[in-house]
């Protein structure tokens, strides 16, 4: 992230504070120095709050599948919206123990051809929803 930001500074020299960028050692610090101000947020906390899907989960009224890994470095297990899921019958959570951040690939039948687990899971979920005669649809 720092390297990409440094490259952007060549094109936009006033984009962020170079010293603050150099001092950033965590994703939270990076979000405070780069992500939040570049995208118009007052702070990293403001960015996280406004961008969180948790703000919208209670309003969902169609069957929805939430997929996330408990070992996701960007959204750790402690941040998973368990309360929102349990409070909304339209939400189905698939919180796997591993998979990282967008890493839901499984070994396929051929070398170099992994199975895209998340996509397959989403298709099965949609097939089940389409087959149901639920008034929610």
Protein backbone atom coordinates (compact mmCIF):
# COMPACT_ATOMS: atom_id res chain seq x y z
CA UNK A 1 0.00 0.00 0.00
CA UNK A 2 2.83 2.36 0.81
CA UNK A 3 4.60 1.68 -2.49
CA UNK A 4 1.41 2.36 -4.44
CA UNK A 5 0.87 5.59 -2.49
CA UNK A 6 4.44 6.69 -3.14
CA UNK A 7 3.90 6.09 -6.85
CA UNK A 8 0.73 8.21 -6.72
CA UNK A 9 2.69 11.00 -5.01
CA UNK A 10 4.75 11.38 -8.18
CA UNK A 11 1.57 12.32 -10.01
CA UNK A 12 -0.15 14.10 -7.08
CA UNK A 13 2.59 15.52 -4.82
CA UNK A 14 0.17 16.95 -2.25
CA UNK A 15 -2.00 13.84 -1.96
CA UNK A 16 -0.79 12.86 1.53
CA UNK A 17 1.86 13.78 4.08
CA UNK A 18 5.02 11.84 3.10
CA UNK A 19 6.40 11.79 6.66
CA UNK A 20 3.15 10.48 8.10
CA UNK A 21 3.05 7.84 5.37
CA UNK A 22 6.60 6.76 6.17
CA UNK A 23 5.74 6.53 9.87
CA UNK A 24 2.60 4.41 9.34
CA UNK A 25 3.21 0.85 10.54
CA UNK A 26 -0.31 -0.57 10.73
CA UNK A 27 -3.32 -0.67 8.45
CA UNK A 28 -5.14 1.61 10.91
CA UNK A 29 -2.35 4.17 10.65
CA UNK A 30 -2.36 3.89 6.86
CA UNK A 31 -6.12 4.43 6.78
CA UNK A 32 -5.69 7.49 9.00
CA UNK A 33 -2.96 9.00 6.81
CA UNK A 34 -4.09 7.91 3.33
CA UNK A 35 -7.43 6.17 2.91
CA UNK A 36 -9.60 8.49 4.99
CA UNK A 37 -8.36 11.87 3.74
CA UNK A 38 -8.03 10.80 0.10
CA UNK A 39 -11.66 9.67 0.08
CA UNK A 40 -13.10 12.58 2.04
CA UNK A 41 -13.44 11.05 5.49
CA UNK A 42 -12.45 12.94 8.63
CA UNK A 43 -10.54 9.99 10.13
CA UNK A 44 -9.94 6.26 9.83
CA UNK A 45 -12.73 5.67 12.36
CA UNK A 46 -15.12 7.79 10.27
CA UNK A 47 -14.13 5.83 7.14
CA UNK A 48 -14.66 2.48 8.86
CA UNK A 49 -18.00 3.51 10.34
CA UNK A 50 -19.43 4.98 7.14
CA UNK A 51 -18.15 2.13 4.97
CA UNK A 52 -19.27 -0.71 7.21
CA UNK A 53 -21.94 -2.98 5.79
CA UNK A 54 -23.17 -3.47 9.35
CA UNK A 55 -25.02 -0.16 8.99
CA UNK A 56 -27.15 -1.70 6.24
CA UNK A 57 -27.59 -5.30 7.37
CA UNK A 58 -30.68 -4.68 9.56
CA UNK A 59 -32.51 -3.17 6.55
CA UNK A 60 -32.00 -6.14 4.21
CA UNK A 61 -35.27 -7.79 3.28
CA UNK A 62 -34.14 -10.31 0.68
CA UNK A 63 -32.25 -13.53 1.37
CA UNK A 64 -28.58 -12.60 1.46
CA UNK A 65 -25.45 -14.66 1.95
CA UNK A 66 -22.55 -13.17 3.89
CA UNK A 67 -19.20 -14.86 3.27
CA UNK A 68 -16.13 -14.01 5.29
CA UNK A 69 -13.20 -15.84 6.75
CA UNK A 70 -12.44 -15.64 10.44
CA UNK A 71 -8.74 -15.23 9.59
CA UNK A 72 -9.32 -12.27 7.25
CA UNK A 73 -6.59 -9.73 8.11
CA UNK A 74 -8.82 -6.79 7.12
CA UNK A 75 -12.01 -7.92 8.83
CA UNK A 76 -11.08 -10.13 11.79
CA UNK A 77 -13.43 -12.51 13.54
CA UNK A 78 -14.12 -9.96 16.27
CA UNK A 79 -15.62 -7.61 13.64
CA UNK A 80 -18.02 -10.13 12.08
CA UNK A 81 -21.65 -8.97 12.34
CA UNK A 82 -22.92 -11.89 14.40
CA UNK A 83 -25.64 -9.89 16.18
CA UNK A 84 -26.98 -8.47 12.90
CA UNK A 85 -27.08 -11.94 11.37
CA UNK A 86 -28.92 -13.46 14.31
CA UNK A 87 -31.42 -10.57 14.35
CA UNK A 88 -32.32 -10.72 10.65
CA UNK A 89 -33.92 -13.85 9.19
CA UNK A 90 -32.91 -12.77 5.67
CA UNK A 91 -29.21 -13.07 6.45
CA UNK A 92 -27.26 -16.29 6.17
CA UNK A 93 -23.67 -16.23 7.39
CA UNK A 94 -20.92 -18.45 6.09
CA UNK A 95 -17.98 -17.50 8.30
CA UNK A 96 -15.23 -19.99 7.54
CA UNK A 97 -12.28 -20.67 9.82
CA UNK A 98 -9.76 -19.94 7.08
CA UNK A 99 -9.56 -18.34 3.69
CA UNK A 100 -7.94 -15.02 4.43
CA UNK A 101 -9.00 -11.93 2.55
CA UNK A 102 -10.73 -12.98 -0.67
CA UNK A 103 -8.82 -16.23 -0.58
CA UNK A 104 -11.60 -18.75 -1.04
CA UNK A 105 -9.81 -20.98 -3.51
CA UNK A 106 -9.75 -24.74 -3.20
CA UNK A 107 -7.62 -27.27 -5.02
CA UNK A 108 -9.22 -28.23 -8.28
CA UNK A 109 -9.08 -31.44 -10.25
CA UNK A 110 -6.25 -30.08 -12.39
CA UNK A 111 -3.04 -28.29 -11.32
CA UNK A 112 -3.33 -24.55 -11.78
CA UNK A 113 -7.12 -24.66 -11.97
CA UNK A 114 -8.45 -23.94 -8.50
CA UNK A 115 -12.08 -24.14 -7.54
CA UNK A 116 -13.58 -20.76 -6.68
CA UNK A 117 -15.32 -21.84 -3.48
CA UNK A 118 -17.11 -18.55 -2.71
CA UNK A 119 -18.62 -18.32 -6.17
CA UNK A 120 -19.79 -21.94 -6.03
CA UNK A 121 -21.27 -21.34 -2.57
CA UNK A 122 -23.11 -18.24 -3.78
CA UNK A 123 -24.59 -20.15 -6.73
CA UNK A 124 -25.83 -22.94 -4.42
CA UNK A 125 -27.36 -20.33 -2.12
CA UNK A 126 -29.16 -18.60 -5.01
CA UNK A 127 -30.40 -21.92 -6.37
CA UNK A 128 -31.85 -22.78 -2.96
CA UNK A 129 -33.52 -19.36 -2.73
CA UNK A 130 -34.98 -19.65 -6.22
CA UNK A 131 -36.37 -23.11 -5.44
CA UNK A 132 -38.03 -21.94 -2.25
CA UNK A 133 -41.58 -20.65 -2.42
CA UNK A 134 -40.90 -17.90 0.09
CA UNK A 135 -43.00 -14.75 0.12
CA UNK A 136 -39.71 -12.93 0.78
CA UNK A 137 -38.93 -13.21 -2.93
